[in-house]
Amino acid sequence: MKIIAKYSFKDGGRFISTNFGSEYKEILDVIRTLDASKCKKKVSKEKTMPGRILYSPKQINKKFKKLFAAKGWEKARIKVSTNVPELGKTHKLKGFREMDFIKNKLGVEVQFGKYAFMVYNVAAKMTIFAKQDKIQAGIEIVPMLSLQRHMSTGVSYFEQMKTDLEMRGVSNIDIPVLIVGVDDKK
């Protein structure tokens, strides 16, 4: 894949390159190594594009997982529970919060899924992991619109995410994040 654009949220680009130089280089190497053309296997069943061959987010995620694992990056999970005073009990939820990859307190999320998860990753999940002292900064890898047009409907893209984050602004609880927009090498 090739990197087309970057958006530095809360000075994420400078913070990451200054404090996580070797990890950042590994992430860039992983992105550049991934051959997304081999992930263009999904046959669309959607009414708007029946039979069209699309990029498979599942296949792209599998390739990212393999490449990051080879460099020592690991998935991380945080168990969740909450006290509900009105009910008089603590709920031990069966769920968890999960980050795709962490190494040396730098978190990475690869998001080729539905729109809602992109901004959630930056505005909620990464701040939760920072509060739990699992990460200090994050990188979100997302498709550019040019790649998204060859995926199923509902997948978000860099330009949309950048717009939302610019319009939202930075909060005092946010952490430095670099959004990286990618496309296939072709």
N, C-alpha and C. Protein backbone atom coordinates (compact mmCIF):
# COMPACT_ATOMS: atom_id res chain seq x y z
N MET A 1 0.85 -1.17 0.00
CA MET A 1 0.00 0.00 0.00
C MET A 1 0.89 1.23 0.00
N LYS A 2 0.30 2.32 -0.38
CA LYS A 2 1.05 3.57 -0.32
C LYS A 2 0.30 4.57 0.54
N ILE A 3 1.08 5.40 1.20
CA ILE A 3 0.51 6.44 2.05
C ILE A 3 0.24 7.65 1.17
N ILE A 4 -1.00 8.10 1.19
CA ILE A 4 -1.42 9.24 0.37
C ILE A 4 -1.45 10.52 1.19
N ALA A 5 -1.97 10.44 2.42
CA ALA A 5 -2.13 11.64 3.24
C ALA A 5 -2.01 11.30 4.71
N LYS A 6 -1.69 12.34 5.51
CA LYS A 6 -1.61 12.20 6.96
C LYS A 6 -2.30 13.41 7.59
N TYR A 7 -2.95 13.16 8.72
CA TYR A 7 -3.57 14.24 9.48
C TYR A 7 -3.12 14.12 10.93
N SER A 8 -2.52 15.17 11.43
CA SER A 8 -1.99 15.19 12.78
C SER A 8 -3.03 15.77 13.72
N PHE A 9 -3.60 14.92 14.56
CA PHE A 9 -4.61 15.33 15.54
C PHE A 9 -3.92 15.52 16.88
N LYS A 10 -4.10 16.67 17.46
CA LYS A 10 -3.45 17.07 18.72
C LYS A 10 -1.93 16.89 18.61
N ASP A 11 -1.39 17.36 17.50
CA ASP A 11 0.06 17.34 17.24
C ASP A 11 0.63 15.92 17.21
N GLY A 12 -0.21 14.96 16.80
CA GLY A 12 0.20 13.56 16.79
C GLY A 12 1.40 13.26 15.93
N GLY A 13 1.51 13.89 14.76
CA GLY A 13 2.64 13.61 13.87
C GLY A 13 3.97 13.94 14.52
N ARG A 14 4.07 15.14 15.07
CA ARG A 14 5.32 15.55 15.72
C ARG A 14 5.59 14.72 16.96
N PHE A 15 4.56 14.52 17.79
CA PHE A 15 4.72 13.76 19.03
C PHE A 15 5.21 12.34 18.75
N ILE A 16 4.61 11.70 17.77
CA ILE A 16 4.97 10.31 17.46
C ILE A 16 6.37 10.23 16.85
N SER A 17 6.68 11.11 15.91
CA SER A 17 8.02 11.05 15.30
C SER A 17 9.12 11.38 16.31
N THR A 18 8.81 12.24 17.29
CA THR A 18 9.79 12.61 18.31
C THR A 18 9.95 11.51 19.36
N ASN A 19 8.85 10.92 19.80
CA ASN A 19 8.89 9.98 20.92
C ASN A 19 8.84 8.50 20.55
N PHE A 20 8.44 8.21 19.33
CA PHE A 20 8.29 6.81 18.89
C PHE A 20 8.89 6.61 17.50
N GLY A 21 10.07 7.15 17.27
CA GLY A 21 10.68 7.11 15.94
C GLY A 21 10.83 5.72 15.34
N SER A 22 11.34 4.77 16.12
CA SER A 22 11.56 3.43 15.56
C SER A 22 10.24 2.70 15.32
N GLU A 23 9.27 2.89 16.23
CA GLU A 23 7.96 2.26 16.06
C GLU A 23 7.24 2.85 14.84
N TYR A 24 7.36 4.16 14.68
CA TYR A 24 6.74 4.83 13.53
C TYR A 24 7.33 4.30 12.22
N LYS A 25 8.63 4.12 12.18
CA LYS A 25 9.28 3.57 10.99
C LYS A 25 8.75 2.16 10.70
N GLU A 26 8.57 1.35 11.74
CA GLU A 26 8.02 0.00 11.54
C GLU A 26 6.62 0.06 10.95
N ILE A 27 5.81 0.98 11.44
CA ILE A 27 4.44 1.12 10.93
C ILE A 27 4.46 1.50 9.46
N LEU A 28 5.31 2.45 9.11
CA LEU A 28 5.41 2.85 7.70
C LEU A 28 5.89 1.69 6.84
N ASP A 29 6.83 0.89 7.35
CA ASP A 29 7.31 -0.29 6.62
C ASP A 29 6.19 -1.30 6.41
N VAL A 30 5.38 -1.53 7.44
CA VAL A 30 4.26 -2.47 7.33
C VAL A 30 3.29 -2.00 6.25
N ILE A 31 2.94 -0.72 6.28
CA ILE A 31 1.99 -0.19 5.29
C ILE A 31 2.55 -0.37 3.88
N ARG A 32 3.80 0.00 3.68
CA ARG A 32 4.41 -0.07 2.34
C ARG A 32 4.61 -1.50 1.86
N THR A 33 4.72 -2.45 2.79
CA THR A 33 4.93 -3.85 2.44
C THR A 33 3.63 -4.53 2.00
N LEU A 34 2.51 -4.10 2.57
CA LEU A 34 1.24 -4.77 2.32
C LEU A 34 0.79 -4.59 0.87
N ASP A 35 0.54 -5.70 0.21
CA ASP A 35 0.05 -5.69 -1.17
C ASP A 35 -1.46 -5.89 -1.16
N ALA A 36 -2.19 -4.78 -1.21
CA ALA A 36 -3.65 -4.84 -1.12
C ALA A 36 -4.29 -5.45 -2.35
N SER A 37 -3.59 -5.46 -3.47
CA SER A 37 -4.18 -6.02 -4.70
C SER A 37 -4.57 -7.49 -4.51
N LYS A 38 -3.87 -8.18 -3.60
CA LYS A 38 -4.19 -9.57 -3.32
C LYS A 38 -5.45 -9.71 -2.45
N CYS A 39 -5.97 -8.58 -1.99
CA CYS A 39 -7.17 -8.58 -1.15
C CYS A 39 -8.41 -8.18 -1.93
N LYS A 40 -8.28 -8.03 -3.22
CA LYS A 40 -9.42 -7.65 -4.05
C LYS A 40 -10.08 -8.94 -4.53
N LYS A 41 -10.88 -9.54 -3.61
CA LYS A 41 -11.46 -10.86 -3.85
C LYS A 41 -12.94 -10.94 -3.51
N LYS A 42 -13.45 -9.91 -2.88
CA LYS A 42 -14.83 -9.96 -2.38
C LYS A 42 -15.80 -9.70 -3.53
N VAL A 43 -16.72 -10.63 -3.76
CA VAL A 43 -17.74 -10.47 -4.79
C VAL A 43 -18.94 -9.78 -4.15
N SER A 44 -19.26 -8.60 -4.65
CA SER A 44 -20.34 -7.80 -4.07
C SER A 44 -21.70 -8.44 -4.29
N LYS A 45 -22.50 -8.41 -3.22
CA LYS A 45 -23.89 -8.85 -3.30
C LYS A 45 -24.82 -7.66 -3.11
N GLU A 46 -24.25 -6.47 -3.09
CA GLU A 46 -25.04 -5.26 -2.89
C GLU A 46 -25.82 -4.91 -4.15
N LYS A 47 -26.99 -4.33 -3.96
CA LYS A 47 -27.85 -3.97 -5.09
C LYS A 47 -27.19 -2.95 -6.01
N THR A 48 -26.37 -2.07 -5.45
CA THR A 48 -25.76 -1.01 -6.25
C THR A 48 -24.55 -1.47 -7.06
N MET A 49 -24.01 -2.64 -6.72
CA MET A 49 -22.83 -3.13 -7.45
C MET A 49 -22.75 -4.66 -7.45
N PRO A 50 -23.79 -5.33 -7.91
CA PRO A 50 -23.80 -6.80 -7.88
C PRO A 50 -22.71 -7.41 -8.76
N GLY A 51 -22.00 -8.37 -8.17
CA GLY A 51 -20.97 -9.09 -8.92
C GLY A 51 -19.63 -8.37 -9.04
N ARG A 52 -19.57 -7.14 -8.63
CA ARG A 52 -18.31 -6.38 -8.73
C ARG A 52 -17.29 -6.92 -7.72
N ILE A 53 -16.04 -7.02 -8.15
CA ILE A 53 -14.96 -7.50 -7.28
C ILE A 53 -14.42 -6.32 -6.47
N LEU A 54 -14.48 -6.47 -5.14
CA LEU A 54 -14.10 -5.40 -4.22
C LEU A 54 -12.95 -5.83 -3.32
N TYR A 55 -12.32 -4.84 -2.70
CA TYR A 55 -11.32 -5.13 -1.68
C TYR A 55 -12.03 -5.69 -0.46
N SER A 56 -11.46 -6.71 0.15
CA SER A 56 -12.03 -7.33 1.34
C SER A 56 -11.37 -6.74 2.59
N PRO A 57 -12.11 -5.99 3.40
CA PRO A 57 -11.53 -5.47 4.64
C PRO A 57 -10.98 -6.58 5.54
N LYS A 58 -11.65 -7.72 5.59
CA LYS A 58 -11.17 -8.83 6.41
C LYS A 58 -9.80 -9.31 5.94
N GLN A 59 -9.62 -9.40 4.63
CA GLN A 59 -8.34 -9.84 4.09
C GLN A 59 -7.24 -8.81 4.36
N ILE A 60 -7.57 -7.53 4.20
CA ILE A 60 -6.61 -6.46 4.47
C ILE A 60 -6.20 -6.51 5.94
N ASN A 61 -7.18 -6.66 6.84
CA ASN A 61 -6.88 -6.73 8.27
C ASN A 61 -6.00 -7.94 8.60
N LYS A 62 -6.26 -9.09 7.98
CA LYS A 62 -5.44 -10.28 8.20
C LYS A 62 -3.98 -10.03 7.81
N LYS A 63 -3.80 -9.37 6.66
CA LYS A 63 -2.44 -9.08 6.21
C LYS A 63 -1.73 -8.10 7.15
N PHE A 64 -2.46 -7.07 7.61
CA PHE A 64 -1.87 -6.15 8.58
C PHE A 64 -1.48 -6.90 9.85
N LYS A 65 -2.37 -7.77 10.34
CA LYS A 65 -2.10 -8.51 11.56
C LYS A 65 -0.82 -9.34 11.44
N LYS A 66 -0.66 -10.01 10.33
CA LYS A 66 0.52 -10.84 10.12
C LYS A 66 1.80 -9.99 10.07
N LEU A 67 1.74 -8.87 9.36
CA LEU A 67 2.92 -8.02 9.23
C LEU A 67 3.29 -7.35 10.55
N PHE A 68 2.30 -6.87 11.29
CA PHE A 68 2.59 -6.25 12.59
C PHE A 68 3.10 -7.30 13.59
N ALA A 69 2.51 -8.48 13.61
CA ALA A 69 2.95 -9.54 14.53
C ALA A 69 4.42 -9.90 14.27
N ALA A 70 4.81 -9.93 13.01
CA ALA A 70 6.20 -10.25 12.66
C ALA A 70 7.19 -9.23 13.22
N LYS A 71 6.72 -8.04 13.53
CA LYS A 71 7.58 -6.99 14.09
C LYS A 71 7.37 -6.84 15.61
N GLY A 72 6.65 -7.77 16.23
CA GLY A 72 6.49 -7.77 17.67
C GLY A 72 5.36 -6.92 18.23
N TRP A 73 4.47 -6.45 17.37
CA TRP A 73 3.31 -5.68 17.84
C TRP A 73 2.26 -6.65 18.33
N GLU A 74 1.55 -6.28 19.42
CA GLU A 74 0.57 -7.18 20.01
C GLU A 74 -0.78 -6.52 20.19
N LYS A 75 -1.82 -7.34 20.12
CA LYS A 75 -3.18 -6.90 20.41
C LYS A 75 -3.28 -6.71 21.93
N ALA A 76 -4.10 -5.76 22.35
CA ALA A 76 -4.30 -5.54 23.78
C ALA A 76 -5.78 -5.43 24.08
N ARG A 77 -6.18 -5.97 25.24
CA ARG A 77 -7.58 -5.93 25.67
C ARG A 77 -7.67 -5.37 27.08
N ILE A 78 -8.75 -4.66 27.31
CA ILE A 78 -9.07 -4.16 28.64
C ILE A 78 -10.47 -4.67 28.98
N LYS A 79 -10.60 -5.38 30.11
CA LYS A 79 -11.92 -5.85 30.56
C LYS A 79 -12.71 -4.65 31.05
N VAL A 80 -14.01 -4.71 30.90
CA VAL A 80 -14.85 -3.59 31.30
C VAL A 80 -15.89 -4.02 32.33
N SER A 81 -16.20 -3.10 33.23
CA SER A 81 -17.31 -3.26 34.17
C SER A 81 -17.76 -1.86 34.55
N THR A 82 -18.96 -1.75 35.06
CA THR A 82 -19.47 -0.45 35.48
C THR A 82 -20.41 -0.62 36.66
N ASN A 83 -20.36 0.34 37.56
CA ASN A 83 -21.25 0.35 38.71
C ASN A 83 -22.49 1.17 38.34
N VAL A 84 -23.65 0.61 38.59
CA VAL A 84 -24.90 1.32 38.33
C VAL A 84 -25.59 1.53 39.69
N PRO A 85 -25.38 2.70 40.32
CA PRO A 85 -25.93 2.93 41.67
C PRO A 85 -27.45 2.75 41.74
N GLU A 86 -28.14 3.12 40.69
CA GLU A 86 -29.60 3.00 40.70
C GLU A 86 -30.06 1.55 40.82
N LEU A 87 -29.22 0.63 40.39
CA LEU A 87 -29.54 -0.79 40.48
C LEU A 87 -28.89 -1.44 41.70
N GLY A 88 -27.95 -0.72 42.31
CA GLY A 88 -27.28 -1.25 43.49
C GLY A 88 -26.31 -2.38 43.21
N LYS A 89 -25.75 -2.41 42.02
CA LYS A 89 -24.79 -3.48 41.72
C LYS A 89 -23.81 -3.05 40.64
N THR A 90 -22.74 -3.82 40.58
CA THR A 90 -21.73 -3.61 39.55
C THR A 90 -21.95 -4.64 38.46
N HIS A 91 -21.97 -4.18 37.23
CA HIS A 91 -22.13 -5.08 36.10
C HIS A 91 -20.75 -5.46 35.56
N LYS A 92 -20.46 -6.73 35.62
CA LYS A 92 -19.25 -7.24 35.00
C LYS A 92 -19.63 -7.60 33.57
N LEU A 93 -19.41 -6.68 32.69
CA LEU A 93 -19.79 -6.90 31.30
C LEU A 93 -18.92 -7.99 30.70
N LYS A 94 -19.48 -8.74 29.81
CA LYS A 94 -18.72 -9.80 29.16
C LYS A 94 -17.78 -9.24 28.10
N GLY A 95 -17.96 -7.99 27.77
CA GLY A 95 -17.17 -7.39 26.71
C GLY A 95 -15.83 -6.87 27.17
N PHE A 96 -15.19 -6.21 26.27
CA PHE A 96 -13.87 -5.66 26.50
C PHE A 96 -13.63 -4.57 25.48
N ARG A 97 -12.60 -3.81 25.67
CA ARG A 97 -12.13 -2.85 24.67
C ARG A 97 -10.82 -3.43 24.15
N GLU A 98 -10.64 -3.37 22.85
CA GLU A 98 -9.47 -4.00 22.24
C GLU A 98 -8.79 -3.03 21.28
N MET A 99 -7.48 -3.01 21.33
CA MET A 99 -6.70 -2.22 20.38
C MET A 99 -5.96 -3.20 19.48
N ASP A 100 -5.95 -2.89 18.18
CA ASP A 100 -5.36 -3.82 17.21
C ASP A 100 -3.91 -4.14 17.52
N PHE A 101 -3.08 -3.10 17.74
CA PHE A 101 -1.64 -3.32 17.95
C PHE A 101 -1.09 -2.28 18.91
N ILE A 102 -0.23 -2.75 19.82
CA ILE A 102 0.48 -1.85 20.73
C ILE A 102 1.93 -2.31 20.83
N LYS A 103 2.81 -1.32 20.85
CA LYS A 103 4.23 -1.60 21.10
C LYS A 103 4.82 -0.37 21.77
N ASN A 104 5.44 -0.58 22.92
CA ASN A 104 6.11 0.51 23.64
C ASN A 104 5.21 1.73 23.85
N LYS A 105 3.95 1.48 24.17
CA LYS A 105 2.96 2.53 24.47
C LYS A 105 2.53 3.37 23.27
N LEU A 106 2.72 2.82 22.07
CA LEU A 106 2.15 3.43 20.86
C LEU A 106 1.07 2.46 20.35
N GLY A 107 -0.14 2.97 20.20
CA GLY A 107 -1.24 2.14 19.75
C GLY A 107 -1.52 2.34 18.27
N VAL A 108 -1.96 1.28 17.61
CA VAL A 108 -2.32 1.34 16.19
C VAL A 108 -3.68 0.69 16.00
N GLU A 109 -4.55 1.39 15.28
CA GLU A 109 -5.84 0.85 14.88
C GLU A 109 -5.88 0.85 13.35
N VAL A 110 -6.25 -0.28 12.78
CA VAL A 110 -6.45 -0.40 11.33
C VAL A 110 -7.95 -0.43 11.14
N GLN A 111 -8.50 0.57 10.44
CA GLN A 111 -9.96 0.66 10.33
C GLN A 111 -10.41 0.73 8.88
N PHE A 112 -10.86 -0.41 8.39
CA PHE A 112 -11.44 -0.50 7.05
C PHE A 112 -12.90 -0.92 7.18
N GLY A 113 -13.50 -0.57 8.30
CA GLY A 113 -14.87 -0.96 8.58
C GLY A 113 -15.83 0.21 8.52
N LYS A 114 -16.88 0.09 9.26
CA LYS A 114 -17.96 1.08 9.24
C LYS A 114 -17.51 2.43 9.79
N TYR A 115 -18.18 3.44 9.30
CA TYR A 115 -17.84 4.82 9.60
C TYR A 115 -17.75 5.13 11.09
N ALA A 116 -18.71 4.67 11.87
CA ALA A 116 -18.77 5.03 13.29
C ALA A 116 -17.52 4.64 14.06
N PHE A 117 -16.85 3.59 13.64
CA PHE A 117 -15.69 3.11 14.39
C PHE A 117 -14.45 3.98 14.22
N MET A 118 -14.34 4.69 13.12
CA MET A 118 -13.14 5.51 12.90
C MET A 118 -12.99 6.60 13.95
N VAL A 119 -13.99 7.45 14.08
CA VAL A 119 -13.90 8.54 15.04
C VAL A 119 -13.95 7.99 16.46
N TYR A 120 -14.71 6.92 16.69
CA TYR A 120 -14.74 6.28 18.01
C TYR A 120 -13.33 5.87 18.44
N ASN A 121 -12.57 5.30 17.52
CA ASN A 121 -11.21 4.86 17.86
C ASN A 121 -10.38 6.01 18.43
N VAL A 122 -10.46 7.17 17.79
CA VAL A 122 -9.64 8.32 18.19
C VAL A 122 -10.25 9.04 19.39
N ALA A 123 -11.55 9.29 19.36
CA ALA A 123 -12.19 10.12 20.38
C ALA A 123 -12.55 9.36 21.65
N ALA A 124 -12.60 8.04 21.61
CA ALA A 124 -12.97 7.28 22.80
C ALA A 124 -11.96 6.17 23.11
N LYS A 125 -11.80 5.21 22.21
CA LYS A 125 -10.99 4.04 22.53
C LYS A 125 -9.55 4.40 22.88
N MET A 126 -8.92 5.27 22.09
CA MET A 126 -7.52 5.60 22.38
C MET A 126 -7.38 6.36 23.70
N THR A 127 -8.36 7.18 24.04
CA THR A 127 -8.29 7.88 25.33
C THR A 127 -8.49 6.90 26.48
N ILE A 128 -9.32 5.89 26.29
CA ILE A 128 -9.50 4.85 27.32
C ILE A 128 -8.19 4.11 27.54
N PHE A 129 -7.52 3.71 26.47
CA PHE A 129 -6.25 2.99 26.59
C PHE A 129 -5.17 3.88 27.20
N ALA A 130 -5.21 5.16 26.91
CA ALA A 130 -4.24 6.09 27.52
C ALA A 130 -4.51 6.22 29.02
N LYS A 131 -5.78 6.33 29.40
CA LYS A 131 -6.14 6.45 30.81
C LYS A 131 -5.72 5.20 31.58
N GLN A 132 -5.74 4.05 30.92
CA GLN A 132 -5.31 2.79 31.53
C GLN A 132 -3.79 2.60 31.45
N ASP A 133 -3.08 3.62 30.98
CA ASP A 133 -1.61 3.62 30.85
C ASP A 133 -1.08 2.53 29.90
N LYS A 134 -1.89 2.23 28.89
CA LYS A 134 -1.46 1.25 27.88
C LYS A 134 -0.78 1.94 26.70
N ILE A 135 -1.22 3.17 26.37
CA ILE A 135 -0.61 3.92 25.27
C ILE A 135 -0.45 5.39 25.67
N GLN A 136 0.43 6.07 24.92
CA GLN A 136 0.60 7.52 25.07
C GLN A 136 0.15 8.27 23.82
N ALA A 137 0.11 7.56 22.70
CA ALA A 137 -0.28 8.15 21.42
C ALA A 137 -0.81 7.03 20.53
N GLY A 138 -1.43 7.43 19.41
CA GLY A 138 -1.98 6.43 18.53
C GLY A 138 -1.86 6.78 17.06
N ILE A 139 -1.96 5.75 16.24
CA ILE A 139 -2.00 5.90 14.79
C ILE A 139 -3.22 5.15 14.29
N GLU A 140 -3.98 5.80 13.44
CA GLU A 140 -5.18 5.21 12.83
C GLU A 140 -4.92 5.09 11.34
N ILE A 141 -4.93 3.87 10.81
CA ILE A 141 -4.70 3.62 9.39
C ILE A 141 -6.06 3.40 8.73
N VAL A 142 -6.36 4.24 7.74
CA VAL A 142 -7.68 4.22 7.11
C VAL A 142 -7.54 4.34 5.58
N PRO A 143 -8.56 3.89 4.83
CA PRO A 143 -8.49 4.04 3.37
C PRO A 143 -8.78 5.48 2.94
N MET A 144 -8.17 5.87 1.86
CA MET A 144 -8.53 7.13 1.20
C MET A 144 -9.83 6.88 0.44
N LEU A 145 -10.52 7.94 0.06
CA LEU A 145 -11.76 7.81 -0.71
C LEU A 145 -11.50 7.02 -1.99
N SER A 146 -10.34 7.22 -2.61
CA SER A 146 -10.01 6.51 -3.85
C SER A 146 -9.99 5.00 -3.67
N LEU A 147 -9.61 4.50 -2.49
CA LEU A 147 -9.64 3.07 -2.19
C LEU A 147 -11.04 2.64 -1.73
N GLN A 148 -11.67 3.48 -0.92
CA GLN A 148 -13.00 3.17 -0.39
C GLN A 148 -14.01 2.95 -1.50
N ARG A 149 -13.84 3.62 -2.62
CA ARG A 149 -14.78 3.46 -3.75
C ARG A 149 -14.76 2.05 -4.33
N HIS A 150 -13.76 1.26 -3.94
CA HIS A 150 -13.64 -0.12 -4.41
C HIS A 150 -13.89 -1.09 -3.26
N MET A 151 -14.70 -0.63 -2.28
CA MET A 151 -15.05 -1.44 -1.12
C MET A 151 -16.57 -1.40 -0.96
N SER A 152 -17.09 -2.20 -0.04
CA SER A 152 -18.53 -2.21 0.22
C SER A 152 -18.99 -0.85 0.72
N THR A 153 -20.28 -0.59 0.57
CA THR A 153 -20.84 0.66 1.07
C THR A 153 -20.76 0.68 2.60
N GLY A 154 -20.68 1.87 3.15
CA GLY A 154 -20.63 2.02 4.60
C GLY A 154 -19.23 2.13 5.17
N VAL A 155 -18.21 1.85 4.37
CA VAL A 155 -16.83 1.98 4.83
C VAL A 155 -16.46 3.46 4.78
N SER A 156 -15.86 3.93 5.83
CA SER A 156 -15.47 5.33 5.88
C SER A 156 -14.12 5.52 5.22
N TYR A 157 -13.66 6.77 5.20
CA TYR A 157 -12.41 7.08 4.52
C TYR A 157 -11.76 8.31 5.14
N PHE A 158 -10.48 8.48 4.83
CA PHE A 158 -9.64 9.52 5.41
C PHE A 158 -10.26 10.91 5.35
N GLU A 159 -10.73 11.30 4.17
CA GLU A 159 -11.25 12.65 3.99
C GLU A 159 -12.44 12.93 4.92
N GLN A 160 -13.29 11.93 5.10
CA GLN A 160 -14.46 12.06 5.97
C GLN A 160 -14.02 12.17 7.44
N MET A 161 -13.09 11.33 7.83
CA MET A 161 -12.60 11.34 9.21
C MET A 161 -11.90 12.65 9.54
N LYS A 162 -11.07 13.13 8.64
CA LYS A 162 -10.36 14.39 8.85
C LYS A 162 -11.35 15.53 9.03
N THR A 163 -12.38 15.56 8.20
CA THR A 163 -13.41 16.60 8.31
C THR A 163 -14.07 16.56 9.69
N ASP A 164 -14.47 15.37 10.14
CA ASP A 164 -15.14 15.25 11.44
C ASP A 164 -14.23 15.69 12.58
N LEU A 165 -12.98 15.28 12.55
CA LEU A 165 -12.06 15.66 13.63
C LEU A 165 -11.76 17.15 13.62
N GLU A 166 -11.63 17.74 12.44
CA GLU A 166 -11.42 19.19 12.35
C GLU A 166 -12.63 19.94 12.90
N MET A 167 -13.83 19.49 12.55
CA MET A 167 -15.05 20.15 13.01
C MET A 167 -15.26 19.95 14.51
N ARG A 168 -14.90 18.78 15.02
CA ARG A 168 -15.05 18.48 16.45
C ARG A 168 -14.09 19.31 17.28
N GLY A 169 -12.85 19.43 16.81
CA GLY A 169 -11.83 20.12 17.60
C GLY A 169 -11.18 19.17 18.60
N VAL A 170 -10.20 19.68 19.31
CA VAL A 170 -9.44 18.89 20.27
C VAL A 170 -9.97 19.16 21.68
N SER A 171 -10.11 18.09 22.44
CA SER A 171 -10.55 18.18 23.83
C SER A 171 -9.35 17.96 24.76
N ASN A 172 -9.48 18.38 26.00
CA ASN A 172 -8.37 18.20 26.94
C ASN A 172 -8.10 16.73 27.26
N ILE A 173 -9.04 15.83 27.00
CA ILE A 173 -8.80 14.41 27.27
C ILE A 173 -8.20 13.67 26.07
N ASP A 174 -8.16 14.30 24.90
CA ASP A 174 -7.62 13.66 23.70
C ASP A 174 -6.12 13.43 23.84
N ILE A 175 -5.63 12.43 23.10
CA ILE A 175 -4.20 12.15 23.05
C ILE A 175 -3.70 12.42 21.64
N PRO A 176 -2.38 12.56 21.46
CA PRO A 176 -1.84 12.76 20.11
C PRO A 176 -2.09 11.54 19.22
N VAL A 177 -2.67 11.79 18.05
CA VAL A 177 -2.98 10.71 17.10
C VAL A 177 -2.61 11.17 15.70
N LEU A 178 -2.05 10.26 14.93
CA LEU A 178 -1.76 10.51 13.52
C LEU A 178 -2.69 9.64 12.69
N ILE A 179 -3.48 10.27 11.83
CA ILE A 179 -4.37 9.53 10.92
C ILE A 179 -3.60 9.36 9.62
N VAL A 180 -3.52 8.12 9.14
CA VAL A 180 -2.76 7.81 7.92
C VAL A 180 -3.73 7.27 6.87
N GLY A 181 -3.85 7.99 5.76
CA GLY A 181 -4.73 7.57 4.67
C GLY A 181 -3.94 6.80 3.63
N VAL A 182 -4.43 5.61 3.26
CA VAL A 182 -3.70 4.72 2.37
C VAL A 182 -4.54 4.35 1.13
N ASP A 183 -3.84 3.89 0.11
CA ASP A 183 -4.47 3.37 -1.10
C ASP A 183 -3.63 2.21 -1.60
N ASP A 184 -4.17 1.47 -2.55
CA ASP A 184 -3.43 0.37 -3.15
C ASP A 184 -2.26 0.96 -3.94
N LYS A 185 -1.25 0.17 -4.20
CA LYS A 185 -0.07 0.65 -4.91
C LYS A 185 -0.34 0.98 -6.37
N LYS A 186 -1.42 0.44 -6.92
CA LYS A 186 -1.71 0.65 -8.35
C LYS A 186 -2.15 2.06 -8.61
